[in-house]
Amino acid sequence: MQAIRATWKNGQIVPDGPVDWPDGCRLVIDPEPYPSFVGMTEEEQRDDPESIARWIEAFDAIPPLEMTAEEEAAWQSARNAQREFDTATFDHRAESLRRMWE
């Protein structure tokens, strides 16, 4: 039998590809370390015109976020509630920070 790669999703192990194992086969699951860094390092980032054009093309390929009217109304309501909370608690939080730095 051959080792495979898989992803833990919604409480299940989802293989990256087909698996040819007999039913009832026992498994040992040993998760790979989760990467501490995701993305590009500073050395990998380039500012030449071709790299910038590739970045713009990749960015433009991201589909727009689409919401139903109900989803947008709920989002706006949550934003308003957060704004009201931030406004109501600002002085207390600012004072706590000021005391922390004394």
N, C-alpha and C. Protein backbone atom coordinates (compact mmCIF):
# COMPACT_ATOMS: atom_id res chain seq x y z
N MET A 1 0.85 -1.18 0.00
CA MET A 1 0.00 0.00 0.00
C MET A 1 0.89 1.24 0.00
N GLN A 2 0.35 2.30 -0.53
CA GLN A 2 1.12 3.52 -0.72
C GLN A 2 0.55 4.66 0.13
N ALA A 3 1.43 5.48 0.68
CA ALA A 3 1.00 6.66 1.44
C ALA A 3 0.35 7.66 0.50
N ILE A 4 -0.56 8.44 1.05
CA ILE A 4 -1.25 9.46 0.25
C ILE A 4 -1.22 10.79 1.00
N ARG A 5 -1.64 11.82 0.34
CA ARG A 5 -1.86 13.12 0.99
C ARG A 5 -3.37 13.31 1.08
N ALA A 6 -3.79 13.97 2.15
CA ALA A 6 -5.21 14.22 2.36
C ALA A 6 -5.37 15.50 3.16
N THR A 7 -6.60 15.97 3.24
CA THR A 7 -6.92 17.19 3.98
C THR A 7 -8.03 16.89 4.95
N TRP A 8 -7.93 17.44 6.15
CA TRP A 8 -8.98 17.33 7.16
C TRP A 8 -10.01 18.40 6.85
N LYS A 9 -11.25 17.99 6.54
CA LYS A 9 -12.30 18.92 6.14
C LYS A 9 -13.61 18.51 6.78
N ASN A 10 -14.23 19.42 7.49
CA ASN A 10 -15.55 19.16 8.09
C ASN A 10 -15.58 17.84 8.86
N GLY A 11 -14.52 17.58 9.62
CA GLY A 11 -14.49 16.39 10.45
C GLY A 11 -14.22 15.09 9.71
N GLN A 12 -13.73 15.17 8.47
CA GLN A 12 -13.44 13.96 7.70
C GLN A 12 -12.09 14.11 7.00
N ILE A 13 -11.47 12.98 6.74
CA ILE A 13 -10.22 12.96 5.97
C ILE A 13 -10.59 12.84 4.50
N VAL A 14 -10.17 13.82 3.70
CA VAL A 14 -10.49 13.84 2.27
C VAL A 14 -9.20 13.64 1.48
N PRO A 15 -9.03 12.47 0.84
CA PRO A 15 -7.81 12.22 0.07
C PRO A 15 -7.67 13.19 -1.10
N ASP A 16 -6.44 13.54 -1.42
CA ASP A 16 -6.18 14.43 -2.55
C ASP A 16 -6.45 13.74 -3.88
N GLY A 17 -6.47 12.44 -3.90
CA GLY A 17 -6.71 11.69 -5.13
C GLY A 17 -7.30 10.33 -4.81
N PRO A 18 -7.41 9.48 -5.83
CA PRO A 18 -7.99 8.15 -5.60
C PRO A 18 -7.11 7.31 -4.67
N VAL A 19 -7.76 6.43 -3.92
CA VAL A 19 -7.07 5.55 -2.98
C VAL A 19 -7.40 4.11 -3.35
N ASP A 20 -6.37 3.26 -3.45
CA ASP A 20 -6.58 1.86 -3.80
C ASP A 20 -6.22 0.98 -2.61
N TRP A 21 -7.02 1.08 -1.56
CA TRP A 21 -6.79 0.30 -0.35
C TRP A 21 -7.98 -0.63 -0.13
N PRO A 22 -7.74 -1.77 0.49
CA PRO A 22 -8.86 -2.67 0.78
C PRO A 22 -9.73 -2.11 1.90
N ASP A 23 -11.03 -2.38 1.84
CA ASP A 23 -11.94 -1.97 2.91
C ASP A 23 -11.48 -2.56 4.23
N GLY A 24 -11.62 -1.81 5.28
CA GLY A 24 -11.23 -2.27 6.62
C GLY A 24 -9.77 -2.05 6.92
N CYS A 25 -9.05 -1.51 5.97
CA CYS A 25 -7.62 -1.25 6.16
C CYS A 25 -7.43 -0.25 7.30
N ARG A 26 -6.55 -0.52 8.27
CA ARG A 26 -6.28 0.38 9.38
C ARG A 26 -5.30 1.45 8.92
N LEU A 27 -5.45 2.66 9.45
CA LEU A 27 -4.63 3.79 9.04
C LEU A 27 -3.93 4.40 10.25
N VAL A 28 -2.79 5.01 9.99
CA VAL A 28 -2.10 5.84 10.98
C VAL A 28 -2.11 7.25 10.41
N ILE A 29 -2.70 8.18 11.14
CA ILE A 29 -2.81 9.56 10.67
C ILE A 29 -1.79 10.40 11.43
N ASP A 30 -0.89 11.03 10.71
CA ASP A 30 0.16 11.86 11.31
C ASP A 30 0.15 13.21 10.58
N PRO A 31 -0.51 14.23 11.14
CA PRO A 31 -0.63 15.51 10.43
C PRO A 31 0.73 16.15 10.15
N GLU A 32 0.81 16.76 8.98
CA GLU A 32 2.00 17.55 8.66
C GLU A 32 1.96 18.83 9.48
N PRO A 33 3.13 19.37 9.81
CA PRO A 33 3.11 20.64 10.55
C PRO A 33 2.43 21.72 9.74
N TYR A 34 1.61 22.51 10.42
CA TYR A 34 0.93 23.61 9.75
C TYR A 34 1.96 24.70 9.47
N PRO A 35 1.98 25.24 8.26
CA PRO A 35 3.00 26.26 7.94
C PRO A 35 2.83 27.51 8.81
N SER A 36 3.93 27.98 9.33
CA SER A 36 3.87 29.20 10.15
C SER A 36 3.82 30.44 9.27
N PHE A 37 4.16 30.27 8.00
CA PHE A 37 4.17 31.41 7.09
C PHE A 37 3.48 31.00 5.80
N VAL A 38 2.53 31.78 5.36
CA VAL A 38 1.84 31.51 4.11
C VAL A 38 2.03 32.73 3.22
N GLY A 39 2.45 32.51 2.01
CA GLY A 39 2.64 33.62 1.10
C GLY A 39 4.05 33.63 0.55
N MET A 40 4.49 34.80 0.14
CA MET A 40 5.81 34.95 -0.45
C MET A 40 6.74 35.65 0.52
N THR A 41 8.00 35.26 0.47
CA THR A 41 9.00 35.96 1.26
C THR A 41 9.38 37.25 0.53
N GLU A 42 10.05 38.13 1.21
CA GLU A 42 10.45 39.39 0.58
C GLU A 42 11.36 39.14 -0.62
N GLU A 43 12.20 38.09 -0.52
CA GLU A 43 13.10 37.78 -1.63
C GLU A 43 12.34 37.31 -2.87
N GLU A 44 11.16 36.68 -2.65
CA GLU A 44 10.37 36.18 -3.77
C GLU A 44 9.54 37.28 -4.43
N GLN A 45 9.36 38.38 -3.75
CA GLN A 45 8.57 39.47 -4.32
C GLN A 45 9.46 40.29 -5.25
N ARG A 46 8.98 40.48 -6.44
CA ARG A 46 9.76 41.23 -7.42
C ARG A 46 8.97 42.45 -7.85
N ASP A 47 9.69 43.47 -8.28
CA ASP A 47 9.00 44.68 -8.72
C ASP A 47 9.30 45.02 -10.18
N ASP A 48 9.71 44.00 -10.95
CA ASP A 48 9.93 44.24 -12.38
C ASP A 48 8.56 44.27 -13.06
N PRO A 49 8.47 44.89 -14.24
CA PRO A 49 7.17 45.05 -14.92
C PRO A 49 6.43 43.73 -15.16
N GLU A 50 7.15 42.64 -15.48
CA GLU A 50 6.49 41.36 -15.74
C GLU A 50 5.86 40.81 -14.46
N SER A 51 6.57 40.90 -13.34
CA SER A 51 6.03 40.40 -12.07
C SER A 51 4.82 41.22 -11.65
N ILE A 52 4.89 42.52 -11.82
CA ILE A 52 3.77 43.38 -11.47
C ILE A 52 2.57 43.06 -12.35
N ALA A 53 2.80 42.83 -13.63
CA ALA A 53 1.71 42.49 -14.55
C ALA A 53 1.07 41.16 -14.15
N ARG A 54 1.88 40.17 -13.74
CA ARG A 54 1.33 38.88 -13.29
C ARG A 54 0.49 39.08 -12.03
N TRP A 55 0.96 39.92 -11.10
CA TRP A 55 0.21 40.17 -9.86
C TRP A 55 -1.13 40.83 -10.18
N ILE A 56 -1.12 41.83 -11.06
CA ILE A 56 -2.36 42.52 -11.43
C ILE A 56 -3.32 41.55 -12.11
N GLU A 57 -2.81 40.68 -12.98
CA GLU A 57 -3.65 39.70 -13.65
C GLU A 57 -4.28 38.74 -12.63
N ALA A 58 -3.48 38.27 -11.68
CA ALA A 58 -4.00 37.36 -10.65
C ALA A 58 -5.04 38.07 -9.79
N PHE A 59 -4.78 39.32 -9.44
CA PHE A 59 -5.72 40.09 -8.62
C PHE A 59 -7.03 40.31 -9.37
N ASP A 60 -6.93 40.68 -10.64
CA ASP A 60 -8.14 40.92 -11.44
C ASP A 60 -8.95 39.66 -11.67
N ALA A 61 -8.32 38.47 -11.54
CA ALA A 61 -9.02 37.21 -11.74
C ALA A 61 -9.87 36.82 -10.53
N ILE A 62 -9.71 37.50 -9.40
CA ILE A 62 -10.51 37.19 -8.22
C ILE A 62 -11.95 37.61 -8.50
N PRO A 63 -12.88 36.67 -8.38
CA PRO A 63 -14.27 37.02 -8.68
C PRO A 63 -14.82 37.98 -7.63
N PRO A 64 -15.74 38.86 -8.02
CA PRO A 64 -16.31 39.80 -7.06
C PRO A 64 -17.19 39.07 -6.04
N LEU A 65 -17.27 39.65 -4.86
CA LEU A 65 -18.13 39.11 -3.83
C LEU A 65 -19.57 39.46 -4.17
N GLU A 66 -20.41 38.46 -4.21
CA GLU A 66 -21.82 38.70 -4.51
C GLU A 66 -22.65 38.31 -3.31
N MET A 67 -23.57 39.21 -2.92
CA MET A 67 -24.45 38.95 -1.78
C MET A 67 -25.89 39.15 -2.20
N THR A 68 -26.75 38.40 -1.55
CA THR A 68 -28.17 38.65 -1.75
C THR A 68 -28.52 39.93 -0.98
N ALA A 69 -29.70 40.48 -1.24
CA ALA A 69 -30.13 41.68 -0.52
C ALA A 69 -30.20 41.40 0.98
N GLU A 70 -30.64 40.19 1.36
CA GLU A 70 -30.73 39.83 2.78
C GLU A 70 -29.34 39.75 3.41
N GLU A 71 -28.39 39.15 2.69
CA GLU A 71 -27.02 39.05 3.21
C GLU A 71 -26.40 40.44 3.38
N GLU A 72 -26.62 41.31 2.41
CA GLU A 72 -26.07 42.66 2.51
C GLU A 72 -26.71 43.42 3.66
N ALA A 73 -28.02 43.27 3.85
CA ALA A 73 -28.70 43.94 4.96
C ALA A 73 -28.15 43.44 6.30
N ALA A 74 -27.94 42.13 6.42
CA ALA A 74 -27.37 41.58 7.66
C ALA A 74 -25.96 42.09 7.88
N TRP A 75 -25.17 42.17 6.82
CA TRP A 75 -23.79 42.66 6.92
C TRP A 75 -23.79 44.13 7.37
N GLN A 76 -24.63 44.95 6.74
CA GLN A 76 -24.71 46.37 7.12
C GLN A 76 -25.17 46.53 8.56
N SER A 77 -26.11 45.70 8.99
CA SER A 77 -26.59 45.74 10.37
C SER A 77 -25.46 45.39 11.33
N ALA A 78 -24.69 44.38 11.00
CA ALA A 78 -23.56 43.99 11.85
C ALA A 78 -22.50 45.10 11.89
N ARG A 79 -22.25 45.74 10.77
CA ARG A 79 -21.29 46.86 10.73
C ARG A 79 -21.76 48.00 11.63
N ASN A 80 -23.06 48.32 11.54
CA ASN A 80 -23.61 49.40 12.37
C ASN A 80 -23.52 49.05 13.85
N ALA A 81 -23.84 47.81 14.19
CA ALA A 81 -23.76 47.39 15.60
C ALA A 81 -22.31 47.47 16.09
N GLN A 82 -21.35 47.07 15.27
CA GLN A 82 -19.94 47.15 15.66
C GLN A 82 -19.52 48.61 15.83
N ARG A 83 -19.95 49.47 14.92
CA ARG A 83 -19.61 50.89 15.02
C ARG A 83 -20.17 51.49 16.32
N GLU A 84 -21.42 51.15 16.64
CA GLU A 84 -22.03 51.65 17.88
C GLU A 84 -21.28 51.15 19.11
N PHE A 85 -20.88 49.87 19.10
CA PHE A 85 -20.12 49.31 20.21
C PHE A 85 -18.77 50.02 20.34
N ASP A 86 -18.07 50.18 19.22
CA ASP A 86 -16.76 50.85 19.26
C ASP A 86 -16.88 52.26 19.79
N THR A 87 -17.90 53.00 19.35
CA THR A 87 -18.10 54.37 19.81
C THR A 87 -18.42 54.41 21.30
N ALA A 88 -19.27 53.49 21.74
CA ALA A 88 -19.69 53.48 23.14
C ALA A 88 -18.57 53.07 24.08
N THR A 89 -17.63 52.26 23.63
CA THR A 89 -16.58 51.75 24.52
C THR A 89 -15.22 52.38 24.28
N PHE A 90 -15.14 53.36 23.37
CA PHE A 90 -13.84 53.92 23.01
C PHE A 90 -13.11 54.53 24.20
N ASP A 91 -13.79 55.39 24.96
CA ASP A 91 -13.13 56.07 26.08
C ASP A 91 -12.57 55.07 27.08
N HIS A 92 -13.35 54.05 27.40
CA HIS A 92 -12.89 53.04 28.36
C HIS A 92 -11.66 52.30 27.84
N ARG A 93 -11.70 51.90 26.57
CA ARG A 93 -10.56 51.18 25.99
C ARG A 93 -9.33 52.07 25.89
N ALA A 94 -9.52 53.34 25.54
CA ALA A 94 -8.40 54.27 25.44
C ALA A 94 -7.76 54.48 26.82
N GLU A 95 -8.59 54.62 27.85
CA GLU A 95 -8.08 54.79 29.21
C GLU A 95 -7.31 53.55 29.67
N SER A 96 -7.82 52.37 29.33
CA SER A 96 -7.12 51.13 29.68
C SER A 96 -5.75 51.08 29.03
N LEU A 97 -5.67 51.48 27.79
CA LEU A 97 -4.37 51.51 27.10
C LEU A 97 -3.43 52.54 27.71
N ARG A 98 -3.99 53.71 28.04
CA ARG A 98 -3.15 54.75 28.64
C ARG A 98 -2.56 54.25 29.96
N ARG A 99 -3.38 53.61 30.82
CA ARG A 99 -2.89 53.06 32.08
C ARG A 99 -1.85 51.99 31.88
N MET A 100 -2.01 51.20 30.84
CA MET A 100 -1.08 50.12 30.56
C MET A 100 0.32 50.67 30.25
N TRP A 101 0.41 51.85 29.67
CA TRP A 101 1.70 52.42 29.25
C TRP A 101 2.28 53.39 30.28
N GLU A 102 1.64 53.53 31.42
CA GLU A 102 2.18 54.43 32.44
C GLU A 102 3.31 53.78 33.18
